[in-house]
Amino acid sequence: MVHLRELSELQRHPHEWHRRGMRHPDEIDALVHYRTIGDVPQEPSYGDFFRAV
């Protein structure tokens, strides 16, 4: 069983998110920032939140 402290440590590393096919929250924040300043698409795409493994 993973302890909460270990879990919070793992959540800090983008690699752990990428291993599960997801983007790290900081990457999503950067994407949202870019999209709200620049060329905003009509709809978000699957690739905005999940990465190909």
C-alpha atoms as a PDB file:
ATOM      1  CA  MET A   1       0.000   0.000   0.000  1.00  0.00           C
ATOM      2  CA  VAL A   2       1.296   3.458  -0.905  1.00  0.00           C
ATOM      3  CA  HIS A   3       1.375   5.990   1.916  1.00  0.00           C
ATOM      4  CA  LEU A   4      -0.072   9.452   1.321  1.00  0.00           C
ATOM      5  CA  ARG A   5       3.328  11.096   1.675  1.00  0.00           C
ATOM      6  CA  GLU A   6       4.798   8.769  -0.958  1.00  0.00           C
ATOM      7  CA  LEU A   7       1.827   9.439  -3.229  1.00  0.00           C
ATOM      8  CA  SER A   8       2.203  13.213  -2.987  1.00  0.00           C
ATOM      9  CA  GLU A   9       5.918  12.838  -3.794  1.00  0.00           C
ATOM     10  CA  LEU A  10       5.127  10.770  -6.897  1.00  0.00           C
ATOM     11  CA  GLN A  11       2.521  13.307  -8.043  1.00  0.00           C
ATOM     12  CA  ARG A  12       5.203  16.017  -8.221  1.00  0.00           C
ATOM     13  CA  HIS A  13       7.095  14.228 -11.003  1.00  0.00           C
ATOM     14  CA  PRO A  14       5.798  14.650 -14.573  1.00  0.00           C
ATOM     15  CA  HIS A  15       7.257  11.242 -15.451  1.00  0.00           C
ATOM     16  CA  GLU A  16       4.792   9.500 -13.123  1.00  0.00           C
ATOM     17  CA  TRP A  17       1.865  11.222 -14.850  1.00  0.00           C
ATOM     18  CA  HIS A  18       3.276  10.407 -18.294  1.00  0.00           C
ATOM     19  CA  ARG A  19       3.640   6.728 -17.336  1.00  0.00           C
ATOM     20  CA  ARG A  20      -0.121   6.657 -16.887  1.00  0.00           C
ATOM     21  CA  GLY A  21      -0.796   8.425 -20.184  1.00  0.00           C
ATOM     22  CA  MET A  22      -1.681  11.778 -18.617  1.00  0.00           C
ATOM     23  CA  ARG A  23      -0.187  15.237 -18.610  1.00  0.00           C
ATOM     24  CA  HIS A  24       1.182  16.743 -15.401  1.00  0.00           C
ATOM     25  CA  PRO A  25      -1.046  19.530 -13.969  1.00  0.00           C
ATOM     26  CA  ASP A  26       1.710  22.093 -14.673  1.00  0.00           C
ATOM     27  CA  GLU A  27       1.670  21.060 -18.341  1.00  0.00           C
ATOM     28  CA  ILE A  28      -2.100  21.499 -18.450  1.00  0.00           C
ATOM     29  CA  ASP A  29      -1.761  24.942 -16.838  1.00  0.00           C
ATOM     30  CA  ALA A  30       0.792  25.934 -19.502  1.00  0.00           C
ATOM     31  CA  LEU A  31      -1.481  24.609 -22.246  1.00  0.00           C
ATOM     32  CA  VAL A  32      -4.467  26.570 -20.909  1.00  0.00           C
ATOM     33  CA  HIS A  33      -2.331  29.701 -20.622  1.00  0.00           C
ATOM     34  CA  TYR A  34      -1.130  29.301 -24.224  1.00  0.00           C
ATOM     35  CA  ARG A  35      -4.621  28.597 -25.537  1.00  0.00           C
ATOM     36  CA  THR A  36      -6.192  31.578 -23.769  1.00  0.00           C
ATOM     37  CA  ILE A  37      -3.539  33.982 -25.085  1.00  0.00           C
ATOM     38  CA  GLY A  38      -3.069  32.659 -28.601  1.00  0.00           C
ATOM     39  CA  ASP A  39      -5.106  30.762 -31.158  1.00  0.00           C
ATOM     40  CA  VAL A  40      -8.025  29.277 -29.246  1.00  0.00           C
ATOM     41  CA  PRO A  41      -9.543  26.149 -30.850  1.00  0.00           C
ATOM     42  CA  GLN A  42     -13.306  25.654 -30.946  1.00  0.00           C
ATOM     43  CA  GLU A  43     -13.217  22.514 -28.796  1.00  0.00           C
ATOM     44  CA  PRO A  44     -10.538  20.855 -26.665  1.00  0.00           C
ATOM     45  CA  SER A  45      -9.141  17.656 -28.087  1.00  0.00           C
ATOM     46  CA  TYR A  46      -8.247  14.358 -26.442  1.00  0.00           C
ATOM     47  CA  GLY A  47      -4.571  15.191 -26.983  1.00  0.00           C
ATOM     48  CA  ASP A  48      -4.905  18.289 -24.826  1.00  0.00           C
ATOM     49  CA  PHE A  49      -5.163  16.130 -21.723  1.00  0.00           C
ATOM     50  CA  PHE A  50      -3.781  12.681 -22.561  1.00  0.00           C
ATOM     51  CA  ARG A  51      -0.557  11.645 -24.236  1.00  0.00           C
ATOM     52  CA  ALA A  52       0.143   8.636 -26.429  1.00  0.00           C
ATOM     53  CA  VAL A  53       2.193   6.174 -24.397  1.00  0.00           C
END
